[in-house]
């Protein structure tokens, strides 16, 4: 079974306006909800999600940003627009703890913008993608899925 894991900040929700991956949540609720998605995120995920048995969001943030993340996802109809099952989200307080969630969920492919997360999940996730943009990330995931399927068939 293939399971996709995806970070939220700077991968789905665009946090490029500040140095910290949660800085875009520092304003009031209206400002937070106006924060845009990372360009191409919803479209790429709508194409990728059906190729996996399950897709999970795994994010590092405190309780306040956890709640705001869920509000943002609901407001932008993330679940409906991407096909990710509502409720398939895990939060942790430290980035290295993402490896624990990945192991518990059986994540086989993970997308994150932080090199330290990629390093931390290396022992438990076979296919890791250091996110820069959705065009190159989607292409890399598709390439790996195609290679895996070709290997099983051949």
C-alpha atoms as a PDB file:
ATOM      1  CA  UNK A   1       0.000   0.000   0.000  1.00  0.00           C
ATOM      2  CA  UNK A   2       1.194   3.476  -0.847  1.00  0.00           C
ATOM      3  CA  UNK A   3       0.455   6.266   1.596  1.00  0.00           C
ATOM      4  CA  UNK A   4       1.258   9.915   1.007  1.00  0.00           C
ATOM      5  CA  UNK A   5       2.191  12.307   3.803  1.00  0.00           C
ATOM      6  CA  UNK A   6       2.260  16.072   3.341  1.00  0.00           C
ATOM      7  CA  UNK A   7       3.402  18.956   5.503  1.00  0.00           C
ATOM      8  CA  UNK A   8       1.018  21.922   5.750  1.00  0.00           C
ATOM      9  CA  UNK A   9       2.987  25.169   6.231  1.00  0.00           C
ATOM     10  CA  UNK A  10       4.792  26.380   3.089  1.00  0.00           C
ATOM     11  CA  UNK A  11       3.671  23.229   1.274  1.00  0.00           C
ATOM     12  CA  UNK A  12      -0.103  23.743   1.280  1.00  0.00           C
ATOM     13  CA  UNK A  13      -0.581  27.060   3.105  1.00  0.00           C
ATOM     14  CA  UNK A  14       1.729  29.739   1.723  1.00  0.00           C
ATOM     15  CA  UNK A  15       3.912  31.037   4.536  1.00  0.00           C
ATOM     16  CA  UNK A  16       6.452  32.711   2.288  1.00  0.00           C
ATOM     17  CA  UNK A  17       5.659  36.119   3.714  1.00  0.00           C
ATOM     18  CA  UNK A  18       7.655  35.514   6.891  1.00  0.00           C
ATOM     19  CA  UNK A  19      10.755  33.742   8.186  1.00  0.00           C
ATOM     20  CA  UNK A  20       8.870  31.279  10.397  1.00  0.00           C
ATOM     21  CA  UNK A  21       6.588  28.603   8.944  1.00  0.00           C
ATOM     22  CA  UNK A  22       3.757  29.686  11.261  1.00  0.00           C
ATOM     23  CA  UNK A  23       4.182  33.471  10.950  1.00  0.00           C
ATOM     24  CA  UNK A  24       1.273  33.743   8.518  1.00  0.00           C
ATOM     25  CA  UNK A  25      -1.053  32.797  11.395  1.00  0.00           C
ATOM     26  CA  UNK A  26      -0.108  35.732  13.614  1.00  0.00           C
ATOM     27  CA  UNK A  27      -2.953  38.020  12.463  1.00  0.00           C
ATOM     28  CA  UNK A  28      -6.648  37.940  13.222  1.00  0.00           C
ATOM     29  CA  UNK A  29      -8.905  35.193  11.874  1.00  0.00           C
ATOM     30  CA  UNK A  30      -9.891  37.136   8.751  1.00  0.00           C
ATOM     31  CA  UNK A  31      -6.235  37.776   7.866  1.00  0.00           C
ATOM     32  CA  UNK A  32      -5.340  34.144   8.509  1.00  0.00           C
ATOM     33  CA  UNK A  33      -8.142  32.937   6.237  1.00  0.00           C
ATOM     34  CA  UNK A  34      -6.899  35.284   3.491  1.00  0.00           C
ATOM     35  CA  UNK A  35      -3.507  33.560   3.486  1.00  0.00           C
ATOM     36  CA  UNK A  36      -3.238  31.964   0.045  1.00  0.00           C
ATOM     37  CA  UNK A  37      -2.488  28.369  -0.774  1.00  0.00           C
ATOM     38  CA  UNK A  38       0.938  27.576  -2.179  1.00  0.00           C
ATOM     39  CA  UNK A  39       0.570  27.994  -5.967  1.00  0.00           C
ATOM     40  CA  UNK A  40      -0.576  24.742  -7.572  1.00  0.00           C
ATOM     41  CA  UNK A  41      -1.062  22.874  -4.281  1.00  0.00           C
ATOM     42  CA  UNK A  42      -4.755  22.062  -4.617  1.00  0.00           C
ATOM     43  CA  UNK A  43      -4.459  21.109  -8.277  1.00  0.00           C
ATOM     44  CA  UNK A  44      -1.411  18.865  -7.808  1.00  0.00           C
ATOM     45  CA  UNK A  45      -2.936  17.162  -4.771  1.00  0.00           C
ATOM     46  CA  UNK A  46      -6.209  16.560  -6.619  1.00  0.00           C
ATOM     47  CA  UNK A  47      -4.145  14.640  -9.199  1.00  0.00           C
ATOM     48  CA  UNK A  48      -1.879  12.825  -6.708  1.00  0.00           C
ATOM     49  CA  UNK A  49      -4.340  11.810  -3.970  1.00  0.00           C
ATOM     50  CA  UNK A  50      -6.240   9.256  -6.128  1.00  0.00           C
ATOM     51  CA  UNK A  51      -2.942   7.468  -6.827  1.00  0.00           C
ATOM     52  CA  UNK A  52      -2.464   6.615  -3.144  1.00  0.00           C
ATOM     53  CA  UNK A  53      -4.345   4.292  -0.816  1.00  0.00           C
ATOM     54  CA  UNK A  54      -4.358   7.025   1.846  1.00  0.00           C
ATOM     55  CA  UNK A  55      -3.131  10.606   2.173  1.00  0.00           C
ATOM     56  CA  UNK A  56      -2.331  12.289   5.493  1.00  0.00           C
ATOM     57  CA  UNK A  57      -1.325  15.786   6.520  1.00  0.00           C
ATOM     58  CA  UNK A  58       1.434  15.755   9.144  1.00  0.00           C
ATOM     59  CA  UNK A  59       2.399  19.114  10.589  1.00  0.00           C
ATOM     60  CA  UNK A  60       4.480  20.577  13.414  1.00  0.00           C
ATOM     61  CA  UNK A  61       2.714  23.363  15.292  1.00  0.00           C
ATOM     62  CA  UNK A  62       1.279  24.306  18.650  1.00  0.00           C
ATOM     63  CA  UNK A  63      -2.400  24.094  19.647  1.00  0.00           C
ATOM     64  CA  UNK A  64      -3.353  27.593  18.422  1.00  0.00           C
ATOM     65  CA  UNK A  65      -1.852  27.061  14.969  1.00  0.00           C
ATOM     66  CA  UNK A  66      -3.308  23.544  14.832  1.00  0.00           C
ATOM     67  CA  UNK A  67      -6.787  25.039  15.232  1.00  0.00           C
ATOM     68  CA  UNK A  68      -6.072  27.802  12.720  1.00  0.00           C
ATOM     69  CA  UNK A  69      -4.711  25.259  10.216  1.00  0.00           C
ATOM     70  CA  UNK A  70      -7.924  23.248  10.478  1.00  0.00           C
ATOM     71  CA  UNK A  71      -9.985  26.447  10.075  1.00  0.00           C
ATOM     72  CA  UNK A  72      -7.971  27.436   6.989  1.00  0.00           C
ATOM     73  CA  UNK A  73      -8.309  23.972   5.432  1.00  0.00           C
ATOM     74  CA  UNK A  74     -12.089  23.975   5.991  1.00  0.00           C
ATOM     75  CA  UNK A  75     -12.501  27.569   4.765  1.00  0.00           C
ATOM     76  CA  UNK A  76     -10.625  26.804   1.535  1.00  0.00           C
ATOM     77  CA  UNK A  77     -12.546  23.518   1.064  1.00  0.00           C
ATOM     78  CA  UNK A  78      -9.240  21.644   1.066  1.00  0.00           C
ATOM     79  CA  UNK A  79     -10.744  18.225   1.776  1.00  0.00           C
ATOM     80  CA  UNK A  80     -13.363  18.544  -0.956  1.00  0.00           C
ATOM     81  CA  UNK A  81     -11.019  20.042  -3.537  1.00  0.00           C
ATOM     82  CA  UNK A  82      -8.112  17.608  -3.076  1.00  0.00           C
ATOM     83  CA  UNK A  83      -9.791  14.339  -2.129  1.00  0.00           C
ATOM     84  CA  UNK A  84      -7.836  14.011   1.131  1.00  0.00           C
ATOM     85  CA  UNK A  85     -10.149  12.412   3.693  1.00  0.00           C
ATOM     86  CA  UNK A  86     -11.300  14.962   6.249  1.00  0.00           C
ATOM     87  CA  UNK A  87      -9.702  14.119   9.560  1.00  0.00           C
ATOM     88  CA  UNK A  88      -6.571  12.617   8.010  1.00  0.00           C
ATOM     89  CA  UNK A  89      -4.341  15.067   9.828  1.00  0.00           C
ATOM     90  CA  UNK A  90      -1.754  14.604  12.565  1.00  0.00           C
ATOM     91  CA  UNK A  91       0.016  17.299  14.528  1.00  0.00           C
ATOM     92  CA  UNK A  92       3.194  17.220  16.596  1.00  0.00           C
ATOM     93  CA  UNK A  93       5.111  19.793  18.606  1.00  0.00           C
ATOM     94  CA  UNK A  94       8.586  19.050  17.212  1.00  0.00           C
ATOM     95  CA  UNK A  95       9.560  18.355  13.617  1.00  0.00           C
ATOM     96  CA  UNK A  96      11.474  15.120  14.329  1.00  0.00           C
ATOM     97  CA  UNK A  97       8.240  13.690  15.789  1.00  0.00           C
ATOM     98  CA  UNK A  98       6.867  13.532  12.252  1.00  0.00           C
ATOM     99  CA  UNK A  99       8.824  10.280  11.914  1.00  0.00           C
ATOM    100  CA  UNK A 100       6.678   8.732  14.663  1.00  0.00           C
ATOM    101  CA  UNK A 101       3.483   9.639  12.805  1.00  0.00           C
ATOM    102  CA  UNK A 102       4.919   8.404   9.506  1.00  0.00           C
ATOM    103  CA  UNK A 103       5.801   5.043  11.064  1.00  0.00           C
ATOM    104  CA  UNK A 104       2.370   4.681  12.710  1.00  0.00           C
ATOM    105  CA  UNK A 105       0.548   5.572   9.493  1.00  0.00           C
ATOM    106  CA  UNK A 106       2.772   3.527   7.171  1.00  0.00           C
ATOM    107  CA  UNK A 107       3.665   6.584   5.073  1.00  0.00           C
ATOM    108  CA  UNK A 108       5.617   5.564   1.955  1.00  0.00           C
ATOM    109  CA  UNK A 109       5.965   9.012   0.323  1.00  0.00           C
ATOM    110  CA  UNK A 110       6.385  12.309   2.217  1.00  0.00           C
ATOM    111  CA  UNK A 111       6.551  15.931   1.068  1.00  0.00           C
ATOM    112  CA  UNK A 112       8.098  18.545   3.381  1.00  0.00           C
ATOM    113  CA  UNK A 113       9.959  21.830   2.959  1.00  0.00           C
ATOM    114  CA  UNK A 114      12.364  21.292   5.875  1.00  0.00           C
ATOM    115  CA  UNK A 115      15.625  19.364   5.379  1.00  0.00           C
ATOM    116  CA  UNK A 116      15.671  18.349   9.067  1.00  0.00           C
ATOM    117  CA  UNK A 117      12.289  16.635   8.637  1.00  0.00           C
ATOM    118  CA  UNK A 118      13.497  14.805   5.538  1.00  0.00           C
ATOM    119  CA  UNK A 119      16.489  13.613   7.559  1.00  0.00           C
ATOM    120  CA  UNK A 120      14.353  12.581  10.546  1.00  0.00           C
ATOM    121  CA  UNK A 121      11.931  10.512   8.458  1.00  0.00           C
ATOM    122  CA  UNK A 122      14.615   8.809   6.356  1.00  0.00           C
ATOM    123  CA  UNK A 123      14.602   5.603   8.465  1.00  0.00           C
ATOM    124  CA  UNK A 124      10.825   5.148   8.092  1.00  0.00           C
ATOM    125  CA  UNK A 125       9.782   6.707   4.745  1.00  0.00           C
ATOM    126  CA  UNK A 126      11.164   5.259   1.516  1.00  0.00           C
ATOM    127  CA  UNK A 127      10.321   8.194  -0.776  1.00  0.00           C
ATOM    128  CA  UNK A 128      11.032  11.680   0.553  1.00  0.00           C
ATOM    129  CA  UNK A 129      10.606  14.965  -1.288  1.00  0.00           C
ATOM    130  CA  UNK A 130      12.159  18.244  -0.202  1.00  0.00           C
ATOM    131  CA  UNK A 131       9.487  20.653  -1.383  1.00  0.00           C
ATOM    132  CA  UNK A 132      10.374  23.664  -3.533  1.00  0.00           C
ATOM    133  CA  UNK A 133       7.280  23.944  -5.757  1.00  0.00           C
ATOM    134  CA  UNK A 134       4.402  21.741  -6.839  1.00  0.00           C
ATOM    135  CA  UNK A 135       5.458  21.283 -10.459  1.00  0.00           C
ATOM    136  CA  UNK A 136       8.772  19.583  -9.639  1.00  0.00           C
ATOM    137  CA  UNK A 137       7.412  17.779  -6.568  1.00  0.00           C
ATOM    138  CA  UNK A 138       4.456  16.305  -8.436  1.00  0.00           C
ATOM    139  CA  UNK A 139       6.768  15.177 -11.250  1.00  0.00           C
ATOM    140  CA  UNK A 140       9.097  13.469  -8.758  1.00  0.00           C
ATOM    141  CA  UNK A 141       6.246  11.658  -7.004  1.00  0.00           C
ATOM    142  CA  UNK A 142       4.799  10.503 -10.329  1.00  0.00           C
ATOM    143  CA  UNK A 143       8.223   9.317 -11.486  1.00  0.00           C
ATOM    144  CA  UNK A 144       8.666   7.236  -8.321  1.00  0.00           C
ATOM    145  CA  UNK A 145       5.161   5.776  -8.488  1.00  0.00           C
ATOM    146  CA  UNK A 146       5.682   4.845 -12.136  1.00  0.00           C
ATOM    147  CA  UNK A 147       9.048   3.214 -11.340  1.00  0.00           C
ATOM    148  CA  UNK A 148       7.505   1.241  -8.457  1.00  0.00           C
ATOM    149  CA  UNK A 149       4.656  -0.013 -10.634  1.00  0.00           C
ATOM    150  CA  UNK A 150       7.028  -0.905 -13.478  1.00  0.00           C
ATOM    151  CA  UNK A 151       9.209  -2.825 -11.012  1.00  0.00           C
ATOM    152  CA  UNK A 152       6.249  -4.861  -9.757  1.00  0.00           C
ATOM    153  CA  UNK A 153       5.052  -5.661 -13.259  1.00  0.00           C
ATOM    154  CA  UNK A 154       8.470  -6.431 -14.750  1.00  0.00           C
END
